[in-house]
Amino acid sequence: MKAPLTLEIIIHYYCGGSDTDYMDSPGFREQAKMLVDVELLIRTGNPKRKYEANREAVKVYLDALLAVPFPELEWIIPKITELQES
């Protein structure tokens, strides 16, 4: 399942992060496994930093996300019947 944590993890490893893993929690482990399965993360074998970004794949994924336009707000006045039902 994709979650905001998924993007945080991807960006952490893509940008270099630190010498250690992003975190160690059940949610992180679940997301990291999913990202390894889809080849966005690679296992390193290093016990301090178990993963690194598959930079080529992550760049394609981030470029696709950044190509999505921001949502636009449209102000409307509800129909009178919708107001009466509230």
C-alpha atoms as a PDB file:
ATOM      1  CA  MET A   1       0.000   0.000   0.000  1.00  0.00           C
ATOM      2  CA  LYS A   2       1.342   3.431  -0.908  1.00  0.00           C
ATOM      3  CA  ALA A   3       1.329   6.029   1.833  1.00  0.00           C
ATOM      4  CA  PRO A   4       2.916   9.434   2.486  1.00  0.00           C
ATOM      5  CA  LEU A   5       5.639   7.462   4.281  1.00  0.00           C
ATOM      6  CA  THR A   6       6.427   5.818   0.920  1.00  0.00           C
ATOM      7  CA  LEU A   7       7.414   9.175  -0.570  1.00  0.00           C
ATOM      8  CA  GLU A   8       9.433  10.139   2.508  1.00  0.00           C
ATOM      9  CA  ILE A   9      11.421   6.904   2.254  1.00  0.00           C
ATOM     10  CA  ILE A  10      12.002   7.267  -1.488  1.00  0.00           C
ATOM     11  CA  ILE A  11      13.190  10.863  -1.134  1.00  0.00           C
ATOM     12  CA  HIS A  12      15.394  10.014   1.871  1.00  0.00           C
ATOM     13  CA  TYR A  13      17.337   7.415  -0.073  1.00  0.00           C
ATOM     14  CA  TYR A  14      17.289   9.294  -3.382  1.00  0.00           C
ATOM     15  CA  CYS A  15      18.724  12.452  -1.810  1.00  0.00           C
ATOM     16  CA  GLY A  16      21.443  10.568   0.047  1.00  0.00           C
ATOM     17  CA  GLY A  17      19.895  10.740   3.492  1.00  0.00           C
ATOM     18  CA  SER A  18      22.410   9.762   6.127  1.00  0.00           C
ATOM     19  CA  ASP A  19      24.681   6.861   7.016  1.00  0.00           C
ATOM     20  CA  THR A  20      21.771   5.020   8.603  1.00  0.00           C
ATOM     21  CA  ASP A  21      18.385   3.812   7.487  1.00  0.00           C
ATOM     22  CA  TYR A  22      15.429   6.188   7.483  1.00  0.00           C
ATOM     23  CA  MET A  23      13.897   4.505  10.529  1.00  0.00           C
ATOM     24  CA  ASP A  24      13.091   1.069  11.868  1.00  0.00           C
ATOM     25  CA  SER A  25       9.430   0.437  12.478  1.00  0.00           C
ATOM     26  CA  PRO A  26       6.854  -2.058  11.213  1.00  0.00           C
ATOM     27  CA  GLY A  27       5.472   0.566   8.821  1.00  0.00           C
ATOM     28  CA  PHE A  28       8.918   1.389   7.472  1.00  0.00           C
ATOM     29  CA  ARG A  29       9.795  -2.274   6.988  1.00  0.00           C
ATOM     30  CA  GLU A  30       6.521  -2.908   5.130  1.00  0.00           C
ATOM     31  CA  GLN A  31       7.075   0.096   2.839  1.00  0.00           C
ATOM     32  CA  ALA A  32      10.762  -0.737   2.286  1.00  0.00           C
ATOM     33  CA  LYS A  33       9.878  -4.320   1.291  1.00  0.00           C
ATOM     34  CA  MET A  34       7.278  -3.028  -1.162  1.00  0.00           C
ATOM     35  CA  LEU A  35       9.817  -0.571  -2.630  1.00  0.00           C
ATOM     36  CA  VAL A  36      12.386  -3.367  -3.006  1.00  0.00           C
ATOM     37  CA  ASP A  37       9.745  -5.548  -4.683  1.00  0.00           C
ATOM     38  CA  VAL A  38       9.059  -2.820  -7.288  1.00  0.00           C
ATOM     39  CA  GLU A  39      12.800  -2.135  -7.611  1.00  0.00           C
ATOM     40  CA  LEU A  40      12.785   1.466  -6.365  1.00  0.00           C
ATOM     41  CA  LEU A  41      15.040   0.473  -3.442  1.00  0.00           C
ATOM     42  CA  ILE A  42      17.972  -1.935  -3.473  1.00  0.00           C
ATOM     43  CA  ARG A  43      19.157  -3.950  -0.456  1.00  0.00           C
ATOM     44  CA  THR A  44      22.792  -3.095   0.343  1.00  0.00           C
ATOM     45  CA  GLY A  45      23.767  -5.831   2.800  1.00  0.00           C
ATOM     46  CA  ASN A  46      25.057  -3.099   5.150  1.00  0.00           C
ATOM     47  CA  PRO A  47      23.459  -3.560   8.612  1.00  0.00           C
ATOM     48  CA  LYS A  48      23.547   0.217   9.302  1.00  0.00           C
ATOM     49  CA  ARG A  49      22.053   1.232   5.978  1.00  0.00           C
ATOM     50  CA  LYS A  50      20.123  -1.686   4.534  1.00  0.00           C
ATOM     51  CA  TYR A  51      18.823   0.138   1.444  1.00  0.00           C
ATOM     52  CA  GLU A  52      19.810   2.557  -1.260  1.00  0.00           C
ATOM     53  CA  ALA A  53      17.786   4.120  -4.050  1.00  0.00           C
ATOM     54  CA  ASN A  54      17.698   2.624  -7.506  1.00  0.00           C
ATOM     55  CA  ARG A  55      18.413   6.140  -8.753  1.00  0.00           C
ATOM     56  CA  GLU A  56      17.379   5.547 -12.367  1.00  0.00           C
ATOM     57  CA  ALA A  57      14.015   4.043 -11.402  1.00  0.00           C
ATOM     58  CA  VAL A  58      13.337   6.597  -8.657  1.00  0.00           C
ATOM     59  CA  LYS A  59      14.072   9.510 -11.007  1.00  0.00           C
ATOM     60  CA  VAL A  60      11.491   8.193 -13.486  1.00  0.00           C
ATOM     61  CA  TYR A  61       8.943   7.752 -10.672  1.00  0.00           C
ATOM     62  CA  LEU A  62       9.551  11.217  -9.180  1.00  0.00           C
ATOM     63  CA  ASP A  63       9.436  12.866 -12.613  1.00  0.00           C
ATOM     64  CA  ALA A  64       6.028  11.236 -13.180  1.00  0.00           C
ATOM     65  CA  LEU A  65       4.746  12.455  -9.807  1.00  0.00           C
ATOM     66  CA  LEU A  66       6.022  15.976 -10.415  1.00  0.00           C
ATOM     67  CA  ALA A  67       4.280  16.047 -13.813  1.00  0.00           C
ATOM     68  CA  VAL A  68       0.876  15.728 -12.120  1.00  0.00           C
ATOM     69  CA  PRO A  69      -0.660  19.203 -11.849  1.00  0.00           C
ATOM     70  CA  PHE A  70      -1.742  20.583  -8.512  1.00  0.00           C
ATOM     71  CA  PRO A  71      -5.482  20.320  -7.820  1.00  0.00           C
ATOM     72  CA  GLU A  72      -7.513  23.430  -8.495  1.00  0.00           C
ATOM     73  CA  LEU A  73     -10.100  24.812  -6.159  1.00  0.00           C
ATOM     74  CA  GLU A  74     -13.430  25.686  -7.697  1.00  0.00           C
ATOM     75  CA  TRP A  75     -15.823  27.755  -5.634  1.00  0.00           C
ATOM     76  CA  ILE A  76     -19.459  26.883  -6.266  1.00  0.00           C
ATOM     77  CA  ILE A  77     -22.808  27.586  -4.703  1.00  0.00           C
ATOM     78  CA  PRO A  78     -24.679  24.360  -3.925  1.00  0.00           C
ATOM     79  CA  LYS A  79     -28.163  23.858  -5.302  1.00  0.00           C
ATOM     80  CA  ILE A  80     -30.907  25.028  -2.961  1.00  0.00           C
ATOM     81  CA  THR A  81     -32.164  21.454  -2.521  1.00  0.00           C
ATOM     82  CA  GLU A  82     -28.726  20.378  -1.247  1.00  0.00           C
ATOM     83  CA  LEU A  83     -28.810  23.202   1.319  1.00  0.00           C
ATOM     84  CA  GLN A  84     -32.302  22.230   2.502  1.00  0.00           C
ATOM     85  CA  GLU A  85     -31.256  18.581   2.985  1.00  0.00           C
ATOM     86  CA  SER A  86     -28.394  19.553   5.321  1.00  0.00           C
END
